[in-house]
Amino acid sequence: CSTLGTLLSSGVPIIASLNIVRNLITNVHIKEAIEKSKLS
């Protein structure tokens, strides 16, 4: 939430923001959930 909020408020597009956030998450299962949300 903190990373995505910072990126979006800085003008980064949401798809690019989700890609960046996914790479910062350490747990693979939460990464998969973020990847699915990006595809959605």
PDB file of all heavy atoms in Angstrom:
ATOM      1  N   CYS A   1       0.819  -1.209   0.000  1.00  0.00           N
ATOM      2  CA  CYS A   1       0.000   0.000   0.000  1.00  0.00           C
ATOM      3  C   CYS A   1       0.855   1.262   0.000  1.00  0.00           C
ATOM      4  O   CYS A   1       0.565   2.216  -0.748  1.00  0.00           O
ATOM      5  CB  CYS A   1      -0.929  -0.006   1.213  1.00  0.00           C
ATOM      6  SG  CYS A   1      -2.188  -1.301   1.175  1.00  0.00           S
ATOM      7  N   SER A   2       1.896   1.294   0.808  1.00  0.00           N
ATOM      8  CA  SER A   2       2.725   2.496   0.888  1.00  0.00           C
ATOM      9  C   SER A   2       3.468   2.742  -0.418  1.00  0.00           C
ATOM     10  O   SER A   2       3.534   3.888  -0.903  1.00  0.00           O
ATOM     11  CB  SER A   2       3.711   2.389   2.048  1.00  0.00           C
ATOM     12  OG  SER A   2       4.599   1.297   1.862  1.00  0.00           O
ATOM     13  N   THR A   3       4.012   1.682  -1.020  1.00  0.00           N
ATOM     14  CA  THR A   3       4.757   1.850  -2.269  1.00  0.00           C
ATOM     15  C   THR A   3       3.833   2.231  -3.412  1.00  0.00           C
ATOM     16  O   THR A   3       4.133   3.145  -4.196  1.00  0.00           O
ATOM     17  CB  THR A   3       5.506   0.551  -2.622  1.00  0.00           C
ATOM     18  OG1 THR A   3       6.266   0.118  -1.510  1.00  0.00           O
ATOM     19  CG2 THR A   3       6.438   0.775  -3.806  1.00  0.00           C
ATOM     20  N   LEU A   4       2.705   1.518  -3.527  1.00  0.00           N
ATOM     21  CA  LEU A   4       1.772   1.810  -4.613  1.00  0.00           C
ATOM     22  C   LEU A   4       1.204   3.221  -4.475  1.00  0.00           C
ATOM     23  O   LEU A   4       1.078   3.947  -5.471  1.00  0.00           O
ATOM     24  CB  LEU A   4       0.644   0.776  -4.618  1.00  0.00           C
ATOM     25  CG  LEU A   4      -0.366   0.886  -5.775  1.00  0.00           C
ATOM     26  CD1 LEU A   4       0.335   0.730  -7.117  1.00  0.00           C
ATOM     27  CD2 LEU A   4      -1.460  -0.170  -5.630  1.00  0.00           C
ATOM     28  N   GLY A   5       0.880   3.607  -3.248  1.00  0.00           N
ATOM     29  CA  GLY A   5       0.362   4.958  -3.043  1.00  0.00           C
ATOM     30  C   GLY A   5       1.382   6.022  -3.416  1.00  0.00           C
ATOM     31  O   GLY A   5       1.045   7.042  -4.022  1.00  0.00           O
ATOM     32  N   THR A   6       2.658   5.801  -3.063  1.00  0.00           N
ATOM     33  CA  THR A   6       3.718   6.749  -3.401  1.00  0.00           C
ATOM     34  C   THR A   6       3.894   6.861  -4.911  1.00  0.00           C
ATOM     35  O   THR A   6       4.026   7.971  -5.460  1.00  0.00           O
ATOM     36  CB  THR A   6       5.046   6.313  -2.754  1.00  0.00           C
ATOM     37  OG1 THR A   6       4.900   6.287  -1.339  1.00  0.00           O
ATOM     38  CG2 THR A   6       6.172   7.265  -3.125  1.00  0.00           C
ATOM     39  N   LEU A   7       3.893   5.725  -5.593  1.00  0.00           N
ATOM     40  CA  LEU A   7       4.085   5.731  -7.046  1.00  0.00           C
ATOM     41  C   LEU A   7       2.921   6.397  -7.768  1.00  0.00           C
ATOM     42  O   LEU A   7       3.126   7.214  -8.687  1.00  0.00           O
ATOM     43  CB  LEU A   7       4.263   4.293  -7.541  1.00  0.00           C
ATOM     44  CG  LEU A   7       5.548   3.578  -7.115  1.00  0.00           C
ATOM     45  CD1 LEU A   7       5.492   2.100  -7.469  1.00  0.00           C
ATOM     46  CD2 LEU A   7       6.774   4.226  -7.756  1.00  0.00           C
ATOM     47  N   LEU A   8       1.698   6.071  -7.366  1.00  0.00           N
ATOM     48  CA  LEU A   8       0.526   6.646  -8.040  1.00  0.00           C
ATOM     49  C   LEU A   8       0.434   8.150  -7.804  1.00  0.00           C
ATOM     50  O   LEU A   8       0.119   8.915  -8.723  1.00  0.00           O
ATOM     51  CB  LEU A   8      -0.745   5.960  -7.544  1.00  0.00           C
ATOM     52  CG  LEU A   8      -0.920   4.486  -7.938  1.00  0.00           C
ATOM     53  CD1 LEU A   8      -2.198   3.921  -7.330  1.00  0.00           C
ATOM     54  CD2 LEU A   8      -0.951   4.328  -9.460  1.00  0.00           C
ATOM     55  N   SER A   9       0.715   8.574  -6.573  1.00  0.00           N
ATOM     56  CA  SER A   9       0.657  10.015  -6.279  1.00  0.00           C
ATOM     57  C   SER A   9       1.778  10.776  -6.975  1.00  0.00           C
ATOM     58  O   SER A   9       1.702  12.005  -7.128  1.00  0.00           O
ATOM     59  CB  SER A   9       0.721  10.246  -4.775  1.00  0.00           C
ATOM     60  OG  SER A   9       1.932   9.732  -4.240  1.00  0.00           O
ATOM     61  N   SER A  10       2.818  10.051  -7.410  1.00  0.00           N
ATOM     62  CA  SER A  10       3.925  10.685  -8.129  1.00  0.00           C
ATOM     63  C   SER A  10       3.700  10.685  -9.637  1.00  0.00           C
ATOM     64  O   SER A  10       4.567  11.134 -10.380  1.00  0.00           O
ATOM     65  CB  SER A  10       5.237   9.959  -7.804  1.00  0.00           C
ATOM     66  OG  SER A  10       5.496   9.997  -6.421  1.00  0.00           O
ATOM     67  N   GLY A  11       2.576  10.166 -10.080  1.00  0.00           N
ATOM     68  CA  GLY A  11       2.241  10.204 -11.504  1.00  0.00           C
ATOM     69  C   GLY A  11       2.636   8.979 -12.296  1.00  0.00           C
ATOM     70  O   GLY A  11       2.526   8.975 -13.519  1.00  0.00           O
ATOM     71  N   VAL A  12       3.095   7.915 -11.623  1.00  0.00           N
ATOM     72  CA  VAL A  12       3.469   6.687 -12.331  1.00  0.00           C
ATOM     73  C   VAL A  12       2.195   5.942 -12.717  1.00  0.00           C
ATOM     74  O   VAL A  12       1.309   5.773 -11.867  1.00  0.00           O
ATOM     75  CB  VAL A  12       4.369   5.794 -11.463  1.00  0.00           C
ATOM     76  CG1 VAL A  12       4.770   4.537 -12.219  1.00  0.00           C
ATOM     77  CG2 VAL A  12       5.604   6.570 -11.022  1.00  0.00           C
ATOM     78  N   PRO A  13       2.053   5.470 -13.964  1.00  0.00           N
ATOM     79  CA  PRO A  13       0.861   4.717 -14.369  1.00  0.00           C
ATOM     80  C   PRO A  13       0.655   3.490 -13.500  1.00  0.00           C
ATOM     81  O   PRO A  13       1.606   2.899 -12.983  1.00  0.00           O
ATOM     82  CB  PRO A  13       1.163   4.321 -15.819  1.00  0.00           C
ATOM     83  CG  PRO A  13       2.158   5.331 -16.283  1.00  0.00           C
ATOM     84  CD  PRO A  13       2.971   5.681 -15.082  1.00  0.00           C
ATOM     85  N   ILE A  14      -0.600   3.078 -13.344  1.00  0.00           N
ATOM     86  CA  ILE A  14      -0.923   2.024 -12.388  1.00  0.00           C
ATOM     87  C   ILE A  14      -0.312   0.686 -12.778  1.00  0.00           C
ATOM     88  O   ILE A  14       0.132  -0.079 -11.907  1.00  0.00           O
ATOM     89  CB  ILE A  14      -2.460   1.895 -12.227  1.00  0.00           C
ATOM     90  CG1 ILE A  14      -2.767   0.905 -11.099  1.00  0.00           C
ATOM     91  CG2 ILE A  14      -3.113   1.476 -13.539  1.00  0.00           C
ATOM     92  CD1 ILE A  14      -4.212   0.905 -10.672  1.00  0.00           C
ATOM     93  N   ILE A  15      -0.236   0.360 -14.089  1.00  0.00           N
ATOM     94  CA  ILE A  15       0.358  -0.920 -14.510  1.00  0.00           C
ATOM     95  C   ILE A  15       1.844  -0.950 -14.149  1.00  0.00           C
ATOM     96  O   ILE A  15       2.348  -1.933 -13.592  1.00  0.00           O
ATOM     97  CB  ILE A  15       0.161  -1.146 -16.015  1.00  0.00           C
ATOM     98  CG1 ILE A  15      -1.335  -1.156 -16.376  1.00  0.00           C
ATOM     99  CG2 ILE A  15       0.819  -2.447 -16.453  1.00  0.00           C
ATOM    100  CD1 ILE A  15      -2.110  -2.235 -15.671  1.00  0.00           C
ATOM    101  N   ALA A  16       2.538   0.136 -14.466  1.00  0.00           N
ATOM    102  CA  ALA A  16       3.964   0.210 -14.124  1.00  0.00           C
ATOM    103  C   ALA A  16       4.154   0.193 -12.608  1.00  0.00           C
ATOM    104  O   ALA A  16       5.102  -0.426 -12.093  1.00  0.00           O
ATOM    105  CB  ALA A  16       4.577   1.475 -14.722  1.00  0.00           C
ATOM    106  N   SER A  17       3.263   0.841 -11.887  1.00  0.00           N
ATOM    107  CA  SER A  17       3.358   0.861 -10.422  1.00  0.00           C
ATOM    108  C   SER A  17       3.192  -0.530  -9.839  1.00  0.00           C
ATOM    109  O   SER A  17       3.923  -0.935  -8.931  1.00  0.00           O
ATOM    110  CB  SER A  17       2.294   1.798  -9.841  1.00  0.00           C
ATOM    111  OG  SER A  17       2.483   3.124 -10.280  1.00  0.00           O
ATOM    112  N   LEU A  18       2.222  -1.282 -10.377  1.00  0.00           N
ATOM    113  CA  LEU A  18       2.002  -2.640  -9.881  1.00  0.00           C
ATOM    114  C   LEU A  18       3.194  -3.545 -10.192  1.00  0.00           C
ATOM    115  O   LEU A  18       3.531  -4.441  -9.396  1.00  0.00           O
ATOM    116  CB  LEU A  18       0.721  -3.215 -10.486  1.00  0.00           C
ATOM    117  CG  LEU A  18      -0.593  -2.630  -9.939  1.00  0.00           C
ATOM    118  CD1 LEU A  18      -1.783  -3.118 -10.758  1.00  0.00           C
ATOM    119  CD2 LEU A  18      -0.775  -2.999  -8.471  1.00  0.00           C
ATOM    120  N   ASN A  19       3.826  -3.346 -11.344  1.00  0.00           N
ATOM    121  CA  ASN A  19       5.031  -4.125 -11.664  1.00  0.00           C
ATOM    122  C   ASN A  19       6.149  -3.840 -10.669  1.00  0.00           C
ATOM    123  O   ASN A  19       6.855  -4.753 -10.225  1.00  0.00           O
ATOM    124  CB  ASN A  19       5.510  -3.792 -13.080  1.00  0.00           C
ATOM    125  CG  ASN A  19       4.723  -4.537 -14.145  1.00  0.00           C
ATOM    126  OD1 ASN A  19       4.279  -5.662 -13.931  1.00  0.00           O
ATOM    127  ND2 ASN A  19       4.536  -3.913 -15.293  1.00  0.00           N
ATOM    128  N   ILE A  20       6.312  -2.566 -10.318  1.00  0.00           N
ATOM    129  CA  ILE A  20       7.363  -2.190  -9.361  1.00  0.00           C
ATOM    130  C   ILE A  20       7.054  -2.759  -7.977  1.00  0.00           C
ATOM    131  O   ILE A  20       7.925  -3.327  -7.310  1.00  0.00           O
ATOM    132  CB  ILE A  20       7.493  -0.659  -9.303  1.00  0.00           C
ATOM    133  CG1 ILE A  20       7.986  -0.119 -10.658  1.00  0.00           C
ATOM    134  CG2 ILE A  20       8.446  -0.242  -8.194  1.00  0.00           C
ATOM    135  CD1 ILE A  20       7.955   1.383 -10.765  1.00  0.00           C
ATOM    136  N   VAL A  21       5.799  -2.623  -7.549  1.00  0.00           N
ATOM    137  CA  VAL A  21       5.405  -3.104  -6.226  1.00  0.00           C
ATOM    138  C   VAL A  21       5.569  -4.617  -6.131  1.00  0.00           C
ATOM    139  O   VAL A  21       6.035  -5.142  -5.110  1.00  0.00           O
ATOM    140  CB  VAL A  21       3.942  -2.701  -5.933  1.00  0.00           C
ATOM    141  CG1 VAL A  21       3.474  -3.345  -4.635  1.00  0.00           C
ATOM    142  CG2 VAL A  21       3.812  -1.195  -5.847  1.00  0.00           C
ATOM    143  N   ARG A  22       5.196  -5.318  -7.183  1.00  0.00           N
ATOM    144  CA  ARG A  22       5.313  -6.787  -7.172  1.00  0.00           C
ATOM    145  C   ARG A  22       6.756  -7.219  -6.928  1.00  0.00           C
ATOM    146  O   ARG A  22       7.011  -8.184  -6.211  1.00  0.00           O
ATOM    147  CB  ARG A  22       4.830  -7.341  -8.511  1.00  0.00           C
ATOM    148  CG  ARG A  22       4.871  -8.868  -8.624  1.00  0.00           C
ATOM    149  CD  ARG A  22       4.710  -9.282 -10.058  1.00  0.00           C
ATOM    150  NE  ARG A  22       5.778  -8.698 -10.874  1.00  0.00           N
ATOM    151  CZ  ARG A  22       5.740  -8.614 -12.200  1.00  0.00           C
ATOM    152  NH1 ARG A  22       4.688  -9.055 -12.863  1.00  0.00           N
ATOM    153  NH2 ARG A  22       6.749  -8.087 -12.864  1.00  0.00           N
ATOM    154  N   ASN A  23       7.709  -6.492  -7.490  1.00  0.00           N
ATOM    155  CA  ASN A  23       9.121  -6.850  -7.311  1.00  0.00           C
ATOM    156  C   ASN A  23       9.646  -6.519  -5.919  1.00  0.00           C
ATOM    157  O   ASN A  23      10.698  -7.036  -5.521  1.00  0.00           O
ATOM    158  CB  ASN A  23       9.978  -6.138  -8.362  1.00  0.00           C
ATOM    159  CG  ASN A  23       9.684  -6.621  -9.774  1.00  0.00           C
ATOM    160  OD1 ASN A  23       9.356  -7.792  -9.979  1.00  0.00           O
ATOM    161  ND2 ASN A  23       9.792  -5.726 -10.745  1.00  0.00           N
ATOM    162  N   LEU A  24       8.936  -5.670  -5.186  1.00  0.00           N
ATOM    163  CA  LEU A  24       9.364  -5.322  -3.830  1.00  0.00           C
ATOM    164  C   LEU A  24       8.803  -6.271  -2.782  1.00  0.00           C
ATOM    165  O   LEU A  24       9.294  -6.303  -1.655  1.00  0.00           O
ATOM    166  CB  LEU A  24       8.927  -3.889  -3.493  1.00  0.00           C
ATOM    167  CG  LEU A  24       9.621  -2.756  -4.268  1.00  0.00           C
ATOM    168  CD1 LEU A  24       9.011  -1.418  -3.884  1.00  0.00           C
ATOM    169  CD2 LEU A  24      11.117  -2.747  -3.997  1.00  0.00           C
ATOM    170  N   ILE A  25       7.783  -7.046  -3.144  1.00  0.00           N
ATOM    171  CA  ILE A  25       7.161  -7.974  -2.202  1.00  0.00           C
ATOM    172  C   ILE A  25       8.005  -9.233  -2.101  1.00  0.00           C
ATOM    173  O   ILE A  25       8.463  -9.771  -3.105  1.00  0.00           O
ATOM    174  CB  ILE A  25       5.725  -8.307  -2.646  1.00  0.00           C
ATOM    175  CG1 ILE A  25       4.877  -7.035  -2.683  1.00  0.00           C
ATOM    176  CG2 ILE A  25       5.105  -9.338  -1.728  1.00  0.00           C
ATOM    177  CD1 ILE A  25       4.758  -6.326  -1.358  1.00  0.00           C
ATOM    178  N   THR A  26       8.201  -9.733  -0.886  1.00  0.00           N
ATOM    179  CA  THR A  26       9.079 -10.882  -0.665  1.00  0.00           C
ATOM    180  C   THR A  26       8.349 -12.215  -0.775  1.00  0.00           C
ATOM    181  O   THR A  26       8.975 -13.228  -1.094  1.00  0.00           O
ATOM    182  CB  THR A  26       9.730 -10.782   0.724  1.00  0.00           C
ATOM    183  OG1 THR A  26       8.708 -10.691   1.725  1.00  0.00           O
ATOM    184  CG2 THR A  26      10.613  -9.550   0.812  1.00  0.00           C
ATOM    185  N   ASN A  27       7.051 -12.254  -0.511  1.00  0.00           N
ATOM    186  CA  ASN A  27       6.306 -13.516  -0.508  1.00  0.00           C
ATOM    187  C   ASN A  27       5.759 -13.811  -1.899  1.00  0.00           C
ATOM    188  O   ASN A  27       5.084 -12.968  -2.498  1.00  0.00           O
ATOM    189  CB  ASN A  27       5.172 -13.447   0.516  1.00  0.00           C
ATOM    190  CG  ASN A  27       4.520 -14.790   0.750  1.00  0.00           C
ATOM    191  OD1 ASN A  27       3.661 -15.210  -0.010  1.00  0.00           O
ATOM    192  ND2 ASN A  27       4.942 -15.471   1.801  1.00  0.00           N
ATOM    193  N   VAL A  28       6.024 -15.011  -2.421  1.00  0.00           N
ATOM    194  CA  VAL A  28       5.644 -15.347  -3.799  1.00  0.00           C
ATOM    195  C   VAL A  28       4.128 -15.412  -3.963  1.00  0.00           C
ATOM    196  O   VAL A  28       3.601 -15.108  -5.047  1.00  0.00           O
ATOM    197  CB  VAL A  28       6.285 -16.676  -4.232  1.00  0.00           C
ATOM    198  CG1 VAL A  28       7.796 -16.565  -4.290  1.00  0.00           C
ATOM    199  CG2 VAL A  28       5.873 -17.833  -3.328  1.00  0.00           C
ATOM    200  N   HIS A  29       3.406 -15.822  -2.927  1.00  0.00           N
ATOM    201  CA  HIS A  29       1.948 -15.940  -3.053  1.00  0.00           C
ATOM    202  C   HIS A  29       1.291 -14.563  -3.123  1.00  0.00           C
ATOM    203  O   HIS A  29       0.335 -14.368  -3.878  1.00  0.00           O
ATOM    204  CB  HIS A  29       1.399 -16.738  -1.867  1.00  0.00           C
ATOM    205  CG  HIS A  29       1.956 -18.126  -1.786  1.00  0.00           C
ATOM    206  ND1 HIS A  29       1.624 -19.120  -2.686  1.00  0.00           N
ATOM    207  CD2 HIS A  29       2.849 -18.679  -0.928  1.00  0.00           C
ATOM    208  CE1 HIS A  29       2.267 -20.230  -2.370  1.00  0.00           C
ATOM    209  NE2 HIS A  29       3.022 -19.986  -1.321  1.00  0.00           N
ATOM    210  N   ILE A  30       1.797 -13.627  -2.348  1.00  0.00           N
ATOM    211  CA  ILE A  30       1.283 -12.261  -2.431  1.00  0.00           C
ATOM    212  C   ILE A  30       1.700 -11.628  -3.755  1.00  0.00           C
ATOM    213  O   ILE A  30       0.951 -10.838  -4.343  1.00  0.00           O
ATOM    214  CB  ILE A  30       1.784 -11.439  -1.229  1.00  0.00           C
ATOM    215  CG1 ILE A  30       1.263 -12.062   0.077  1.00  0.00           C
ATOM    216  CG2 ILE A  30       1.342  -9.989  -1.326  1.00  0.00           C
ATOM    217  CD1 ILE A  30       1.708 -11.360   1.333  1.00  0.00           C
ATOM    218  N   LYS A  31       2.892 -11.997  -4.256  1.00  0.00           N
ATOM    219  CA  LYS A  31       3.300 -11.534  -5.581  1.00  0.00           C
ATOM    220  C   LYS A  31       2.327 -11.995  -6.650  1.00  0.00           C
ATOM    221  O   LYS A  31       1.955 -11.236  -7.566  1.00  0.00           O
ATOM    222  CB  LYS A  31       4.696 -12.073  -5.909  1.00  0.00           C
ATOM    223  CG  LYS A  31       5.850 -11.259  -5.383  1.00  0.00           C
ATOM    224  CD  LYS A  31       7.162 -11.811  -5.897  1.00  0.00           C
ATOM    225  CE  LYS A  31       8.328 -10.950  -5.447  1.00  0.00           C
ATOM    226  NZ  LYS A  31       9.617 -11.440  -5.985  1.00  0.00           N
ATOM    227  N   GLU A  32       1.898 -13.261  -6.566  1.00  0.00           N
ATOM    228  CA  GLU A  32       0.953 -13.800  -7.542  1.00  0.00           C
ATOM    229  C   GLU A  32      -0.378 -13.052  -7.489  1.00  0.00           C
ATOM    230  O   GLU A  32      -0.988 -12.790  -8.525  1.00  0.00           O
ATOM    231  CB  GLU A  32       0.733 -15.285  -7.277  1.00  0.00           C
ATOM    232  CG  GLU A  32       1.950 -16.158  -7.585  1.00  0.00           C
ATOM    233  CD  GLU A  32       1.733 -17.608  -7.202  1.00  0.00           C
ATOM    234  OE1 GLU A  32       0.627 -17.927  -6.712  1.00  0.00           O
ATOM    235  OE2 GLU A  32       2.666 -18.417  -7.386  1.00  0.00           O
ATOM    236  N   ALA A  33      -0.817 -12.712  -6.274  1.00  0.00           N
ATOM    237  CA  ALA A  33      -2.061 -11.956  -6.133  1.00  0.00           C
ATOM    238  C   ALA A  33      -1.944 -10.578  -6.787  1.00  0.00           C
ATOM    239  O   ALA A  33      -2.883 -10.106  -7.452  1.00  0.00           O
ATOM    240  CB  ALA A  33      -2.424 -11.818  -4.659  1.00  0.00           C
ATOM    241  N   ILE A  34      -0.784  -9.928  -6.634  1.00  0.00           N
ATOM    242  CA  ILE A  34      -0.571  -8.619  -7.250  1.00  0.00           C
ATOM    243  C   ILE A  34      -0.507  -8.747  -8.764  1.00  0.00           C
ATOM    244  O   ILE A  34      -1.039  -7.897  -9.501  1.00  0.00           O
ATOM    245  CB  ILE A  34       0.721  -7.984  -6.699  1.00  0.00           C
ATOM    246  CG1 ILE A  34       0.578  -7.727  -5.200  1.00  0.00           C
ATOM    247  CG2 ILE A  34       1.055  -6.689  -7.431  1.00  0.00           C
ATOM    248  CD1 ILE A  34       1.856  -7.278  -4.526  1.00  0.00           C
ATOM    249  N   GLU A  35       0.107  -9.808  -9.271  1.00  0.00           N
ATOM    250  CA  GLU A  35       0.170 -10.036 -10.715  1.00  0.00           C
ATOM    251  C   GLU A  35      -1.234 -10.238 -11.288  1.00  0.00           C
ATOM    252  O   GLU A  35      -1.559  -9.706 -12.360  1.00  0.00           O
ATOM    253  CB  GLU A  35       1.047 -11.265 -11.007  1.00  0.00           C
ATOM    254  CG  GLU A  35       1.145 -11.640 -12.481  1.00  0.00           C
ATOM    255  CD  GLU A  35       1.830 -10.591 -13.325  1.00  0.00           C
ATOM    256  OE1 GLU A  35       2.566  -9.755 -12.767  1.00  0.00           O
ATOM    257  OE2 GLU A  35       1.619 -10.591 -14.561  1.00  0.00           O
ATOM    258  N   LYS A  36      -2.067 -10.980 -10.577  1.00  0.00           N
ATOM    259  CA  LYS A  36      -3.447 -11.179 -11.038  1.00  0.00           C
ATOM    260  C   LYS A  36      -4.226  -9.870 -11.026  1.00  0.00           C
ATOM    261  O   LYS A  36      -5.046  -9.623 -11.916  1.00  0.00           O
ATOM    262  CB  LYS A  36      -4.144 -12.224 -10.167  1.00  0.00           C
ATOM    263  CG  LYS A  36      -3.620 -13.638 -10.361  1.00  0.00           C
ATOM    264  CD  LYS A  36      -4.345 -14.620  -9.451  1.00  0.00           C
ATOM    265  CE  LYS A  36      -3.810 -16.043  -9.638  1.00  0.00           C
ATOM    266  NZ  LYS A  36      -4.484 -17.004  -8.732  1.00  0.00           N
ATOM    267  N   SER A  37      -3.978  -9.037 -10.019  1.00  0.00           N
ATOM    268  CA  SER A  37      -4.663  -7.741  -9.970  1.00  0.00           C
ATOM    269  C   SER A  37      -4.200  -6.842 -11.105  1.00  0.00           C
ATOM    270  O   SER A  37      -4.996  -6.075 -11.669  1.00  0.00           O
ATOM    271  CB  SER A  37      -4.408  -7.065  -8.619  1.00  0.00           C
ATOM    272  OG  SER A  37      -3.053  -6.661  -8.500  1.00  0.00           O
ATOM    273  N   LYS A  38      -2.929  -6.945 -11.499  1.00  0.00           N
ATOM    274  CA  LYS A  38      -2.426  -6.164 -12.630  1.00  0.00           C
ATOM    275  C   LYS A  38      -3.104  -6.605 -13.926  1.00  0.00           C
ATOM    276  O   LYS A  38      -3.525  -5.766 -14.746  1.00  0.00           O
ATOM    277  CB  LYS A  38      -0.913  -6.335 -12.748  1.00  0.00           C
ATOM    278  CG  LYS A  38      -0.280  -5.438 -13.821  1.00  0.00           C
ATOM    279  CD  LYS A  38       1.112  -5.891 -14.186  1.00  0.00           C
ATOM    280  CE  LYS A  38       1.054  -7.137 -15.051  1.00  0.00           C
ATOM    281  NZ  LYS A  38       2.393  -7.514 -15.589  1.00  0.00           N
ATOM    282  N   LEU A  39      -3.225  -7.919 -14.115  1.00  0.00           N
ATOM    283  CA  LEU A  39      -3.903  -8.432 -15.308  1.00  0.00           C
ATOM    284  C   LEU A  39      -5.363  -8.007 -15.323  1.00  0.00           C
ATOM    285  O   LEU A  39      -5.926  -7.714 -16.387  1.00  0.00           O
ATOM    286  CB  LEU A  39      -3.794  -9.953 -15.350  1.00  0.00           C
ATOM    287  CG  LEU A  39      -2.369 -10.523 -15.501  1.00  0.00           C
ATOM    288  CD1 LEU A  39      -2.393 -12.050 -15.420  1.00  0.00           C
ATOM    289  CD2 LEU A  39      -1.745 -10.074 -16.819  1.00  0.00           C
ATOM    290  N   SER A  40      -5.980  -7.964 -14.147  1.00  0.00           N
ATOM    291  CA  SER A  40      -7.376  -7.531 -14.059  1.00  0.00           C
ATOM    292  C   SER A  40      -7.519  -6.071 -14.467  1.00  0.00           C
ATOM    293  O   SER A  40      -8.464  -5.698 -15.174  1.00  0.00           O
ATOM    294  CB  SER A  40      -7.888  -7.730 -12.627  1.00  0.00           C
ATOM    295  OG  SER A  40      -9.216  -7.276 -12.494  1.00  0.00           O
TER     296      SER A  40
END
